[in-house]
Structure formats: structure tokens, C-alpha cells
C-alpha atoms as a PDB file:
ATOM      1  CA  UNK A   1      -2.445   9.047   9.094  1.00  0.00           C
ATOM      2  CA  UNK A   2       0.457   7.180   7.103  1.00  0.00           C
ATOM      3  CA  UNK A   3       0.043   3.286   6.923  1.00  0.00           C
ATOM      4  CA  UNK A   4       3.094   1.024   6.170  1.00  0.00           C
ATOM      5  CA  UNK A   5       2.451  -1.962   4.956  1.00  0.00           C
ATOM      6  CA  UNK A   6       4.919  -4.650   5.009  1.00  0.00           C
ATOM      7  CA  UNK A   7       5.244  -7.309   2.346  1.00  0.00           C
ATOM      8  CA  UNK A   8       8.345 -10.069   0.266  1.00  0.00           C
ATOM      9  CA  UNK A   9       8.841 -12.810   3.825  1.00  0.00           C
ATOM     10  CA  UNK A  10       8.696 -16.378   3.890  1.00  0.00           C
ATOM     11  CA  UNK A  11      10.775 -19.516   4.454  1.00  0.00           C
ATOM     12  CA  UNK A  12      14.408 -19.393   2.271  1.00  0.00           C
ATOM     13  CA  UNK A  13      17.327 -21.690   2.625  1.00  0.00           C
ATOM     14  CA  UNK A  14      21.070 -20.157   4.093  1.00  0.00           C
ATOM     15  CA  UNK A  15      22.858 -18.632   1.992  1.00  0.00           C
ATOM     16  CA  UNK A  16      19.673 -17.638  -0.393  1.00  0.00           C
ATOM     17  CA  UNK A  17      17.801 -14.217  -1.272  1.00  0.00           C
ATOM     18  CA  UNK A  18      14.785 -12.433  -0.229  1.00  0.00           C
ATOM     19  CA  UNK A  19      13.524  -8.919  -0.702  1.00  0.00           C
ATOM     20  CA  UNK A  20      11.247  -7.119   1.360  1.00  0.00           C
ATOM     21  CA  UNK A  21       9.142  -4.475   0.298  1.00  0.00           C
ATOM     22  CA  UNK A  22       7.651  -1.477   2.909  1.00  0.00           C
ATOM     23  CA  UNK A  23       4.533   0.535   0.980  1.00  0.00           C
ATOM     24  CA  UNK A  24       4.096   3.582   2.616  1.00  0.00           C
ATOM     25  CA  UNK A  25       0.321   6.034   2.373  1.00  0.00           C
ATOM     26  CA  UNK A  26       0.673  10.162   2.494  1.00  0.00           C
ATOM     27  CA  UNK A  27       2.453  12.430   0.423  1.00  0.00           C
ATOM     28  CA  UNK A  28       5.646  12.507   2.589  1.00  0.00           C
ATOM     29  CA  UNK A  29       7.366  10.291   1.902  1.00  0.00           C
ATOM     30  CA  UNK A  30      10.262  10.978  -0.069  1.00  0.00           C
ATOM     31  CA  UNK A  31      11.265  13.601   3.024  1.00  0.00           C
ATOM     32  CA  UNK A  32      11.236  11.094   5.696  1.00  0.00           C
ATOM     33  CA  UNK A  33      14.098   8.812   6.949  1.00  0.00           C
ATOM     34  CA  UNK A  34      12.465   5.061   6.558  1.00  0.00           C
ATOM     35  CA  UNK A  35      14.137   2.250   8.586  1.00  0.00           C
ATOM     36  CA  UNK A  36      13.979  -1.418   8.958  1.00  0.00           C
ATOM     37  CA  UNK A  37      14.204  -3.580  12.172  1.00  0.00           C
ATOM     38  CA  UNK A  38      13.494  -7.191  13.426  1.00  0.00           C
ATOM     39  CA  UNK A  39      13.292  -8.666  16.355  1.00  0.00           C
ATOM     40  CA  UNK A  40      13.668 -12.588  16.810  1.00  0.00           C
ATOM     41  CA  UNK A  41      12.609 -14.540  19.584  1.00  0.00           C
ATOM     42  CA  UNK A  42      13.408 -13.585  22.588  1.00  0.00           C
ATOM     43  CA  UNK A  43      14.975 -11.020  21.790  1.00  0.00           C
ATOM     44  CA  UNK A  44      14.912  -7.236  21.411  1.00  0.00           C
ATOM     45  CA  UNK A  45      14.152  -5.700  18.533  1.00  0.00           C
ATOM     46  CA  UNK A  46      16.960  -3.908  16.793  1.00  0.00           C
ATOM     47  CA  UNK A  47      17.712  -2.135  13.608  1.00  0.00           C
ATOM     48  CA  UNK A  48      18.628  -3.337  10.600  1.00  0.00           C
ATOM     49  CA  UNK A  49      18.883  -1.143   8.311  1.00  0.00           C
ATOM     50  CA  UNK A  50      17.855   2.896   7.635  1.00  0.00           C
ATOM     51  CA  UNK A  51      18.138   5.511   4.988  1.00  0.00           C
ATOM     52  CA  UNK A  52      17.613   8.583   4.968  1.00  0.00           C
ATOM     53  CA  UNK A  53      15.987  10.949   2.041  1.00  0.00           C
ATOM     54  CA  UNK A  54      19.244  11.435   0.055  1.00  0.00           C
ATOM     55  CA  UNK A  55      19.206   7.933   0.299  1.00  0.00           C
ATOM     56  CA  UNK A  56      22.324   7.866   2.830  1.00  0.00           C
ATOM     57  CA  UNK A  57      22.416   4.914   4.461  1.00  0.00           C
ATOM     58  CA  UNK A  58      23.200   2.450   7.567  1.00  0.00           C
ATOM     59  CA  UNK A  59      23.513  -0.857   8.459  1.00  0.00           C
ATOM     60  CA  UNK A  60      24.153  -3.396  11.694  1.00  0.00           C
ATOM     61  CA  UNK A  61      27.341  -4.444  11.962  1.00  0.00           C
ATOM     62  CA  UNK A  62      25.760  -8.307  11.338  1.00  0.00           C
ATOM     63  CA  UNK A  63      23.797  -7.177   8.072  1.00  0.00           C
ATOM     64  CA  UNK A  64      26.609  -5.547   6.241  1.00  0.00           C
ATOM     65  CA  UNK A  65      27.885  -6.708   3.022  1.00  0.00           C
ATOM     66  CA  UNK A  66      24.522  -8.937   3.127  1.00  0.00           C
ATOM     67  CA  UNK A  67      21.683  -6.569   3.066  1.00  0.00           C
ATOM     68  CA  UNK A  68      21.261  -3.363   0.763  1.00  0.00           C
ATOM     69  CA  UNK A  69      18.395  -0.934   1.284  1.00  0.00           C
ATOM     70  CA  UNK A  70      17.073   1.567  -0.890  1.00  0.00           C
ATOM     71  CA  UNK A  71      13.996   3.858  -1.696  1.00  0.00           C
ATOM     72  CA  UNK A  72      11.671   4.498  -4.985  1.00  0.00           C
ATOM     73  CA  UNK A  73       9.979   7.723  -3.652  1.00  0.00           C
ATOM     74  CA  UNK A  74       8.078   7.501  -7.025  1.00  0.00           C
ATOM     75  CA  UNK A  75       6.124   3.765  -5.495  1.00  0.00           C
ATOM     76  CA  UNK A  76       6.405   5.409  -1.762  1.00  0.00           C
ATOM     77  CA  UNK A  77       8.001   2.179  -0.963  1.00  0.00           C
ATOM     78  CA  UNK A  78      11.516   1.507   0.568  1.00  0.00           C
ATOM     79  CA  UNK A  79      13.202  -1.957   0.231  1.00  0.00           C
ATOM     80  CA  UNK A  80      15.553  -4.761   2.058  1.00  0.00           C
ATOM     81  CA  UNK A  81      17.353  -6.835  -0.646  1.00  0.00           C
ATOM     82  CA  UNK A  82      18.879  -9.760   2.523  1.00  0.00           C
ATOM     83  CA  UNK A  83      21.217 -12.066   0.121  1.00  0.00           C
ATOM     84  CA  UNK A  84      23.419 -14.616   1.864  1.00  0.00           C
ATOM     85  CA  UNK A  85      20.754 -15.177   4.153  1.00  0.00           C
ATOM     86  CA  UNK A  86      21.723 -17.210   7.334  1.00  0.00           C
ATOM     87  CA  UNK A  87      19.911 -18.943  10.186  1.00  0.00           C
ATOM     88  CA  UNK A  88      20.092 -16.175  12.786  1.00  0.00           C
ATOM     89  CA  UNK A  89      18.391 -13.348  10.329  1.00  0.00           C
ATOM     90  CA  UNK A  90      15.605 -15.429  11.442  1.00  0.00           C
ATOM     91  CA  UNK A  91      12.643 -12.850  12.899  1.00  0.00           C
ATOM     92  CA  UNK A  92      10.055 -10.840  12.316  1.00  0.00           C
ATOM     93  CA  UNK A  93      10.940  -7.796  10.068  1.00  0.00           C
ATOM     94  CA  UNK A  94       9.563  -4.241  10.721  1.00  0.00           C
ATOM     95  CA  UNK A  95       9.622  -1.037   9.045  1.00  0.00           C
ATOM     96  CA  UNK A  96       9.540   2.452  10.444  1.00  0.00           C
ATOM     97  CA  UNK A  97       8.873   5.955  10.411  1.00  0.00           C
ATOM     98  CA  UNK A  98      12.480   7.109  12.210  1.00  0.00           C
ATOM     99  CA  UNK A  99      11.362   9.012  14.370  1.00  0.00           C
ATOM    100  CA  UNK A 100       7.949   8.029  14.977  1.00  0.00           C
ATOM    101  CA  UNK A 101       6.097   5.015  16.593  1.00  0.00           C
ATOM    102  CA  UNK A 102       4.623   4.583  12.768  1.00  0.00           C
ATOM    103  CA  UNK A 103       5.521   0.976  12.337  1.00  0.00           C
ATOM    104  CA  UNK A 104       4.420  -1.508  10.080  1.00  0.00           C
ATOM    105  CA  UNK A 105       2.431  -4.902  10.879  1.00  0.00           C
ATOM    106  CA  UNK A 106       5.558  -7.333  10.460  1.00  0.00           C
ATOM    107  CA  UNK A 107       6.605 -10.007   8.362  1.00  0.00           C
ATOM    108  CA  UNK A 108       8.269 -13.214   9.116  1.00  0.00           C
ATOM    109  CA  UNK A 109      11.689 -13.877   7.455  1.00  0.00           C
ATOM    110  CA  UNK A 110      12.593 -17.486   8.201  1.00  0.00           C
ATOM    111  CA  UNK A 111      15.975 -19.131   7.185  1.00  0.00           C
ATOM    112  CA  UNK A 112      16.483 -22.650   7.353  1.00  0.00           C
ATOM    113  CA  UNK A 113      17.098 -25.736   5.404  1.00  0.00           C
END
């Protein structure tokens, strides 16, 4: 059974950067599409970015130009580089295997001065 473990969250000032990592178990990582979602307090979970097995990417309009999703198939890991962070990026971030109910445990990102 595939497990997803996120890391790299924390507290950062506005304008700062963080890199989230999501490590997946299992041998099928290289052929699956992965995504990052986030959920802010009182809001629905929303798609942030996704990446296919061929590294084609898709981003929410709110993060385009600031966030970059990438993957390292040799390490079974997907990353989310977040730059120019804003207070409205504060949320719990989750990684997901697209098309499944496989989710990581979630990791808190707080952008505040």
C-alpha cells in the first residue's frame, strides 16, 4: 500500500521561501501523476499544482510564477518550491496521487510576520 509522507513546512515571513517534499513508498511512483493541494481554515481543499509522469505541470492561477512543482523518480519524491510567499498561502498542504484517495498526513505552512 502506497504511503505518502510530507515534510518541509513551517513558519516563514511574507516574501520568503519554503520547499515541501512528499516521499512515496512503492515501485509505481514513476508512472503516476502527483499533486499538491492545500486547505486553509474555513475553506475547501484546493488544487495547488500537479505533475504528470512526463513532468508536465499545471498550477492554480494564484500560485503561477511563484510555486514550482517537480519530481525525482529515483527518490520517489515530489517537491513544491514556494517563493514570494504571501499570508494567503497559509494552509495545510497535502500531497496526493491523482485519481486516488491516497493522501499524505498534511503539513502546516504559515506565512506571517
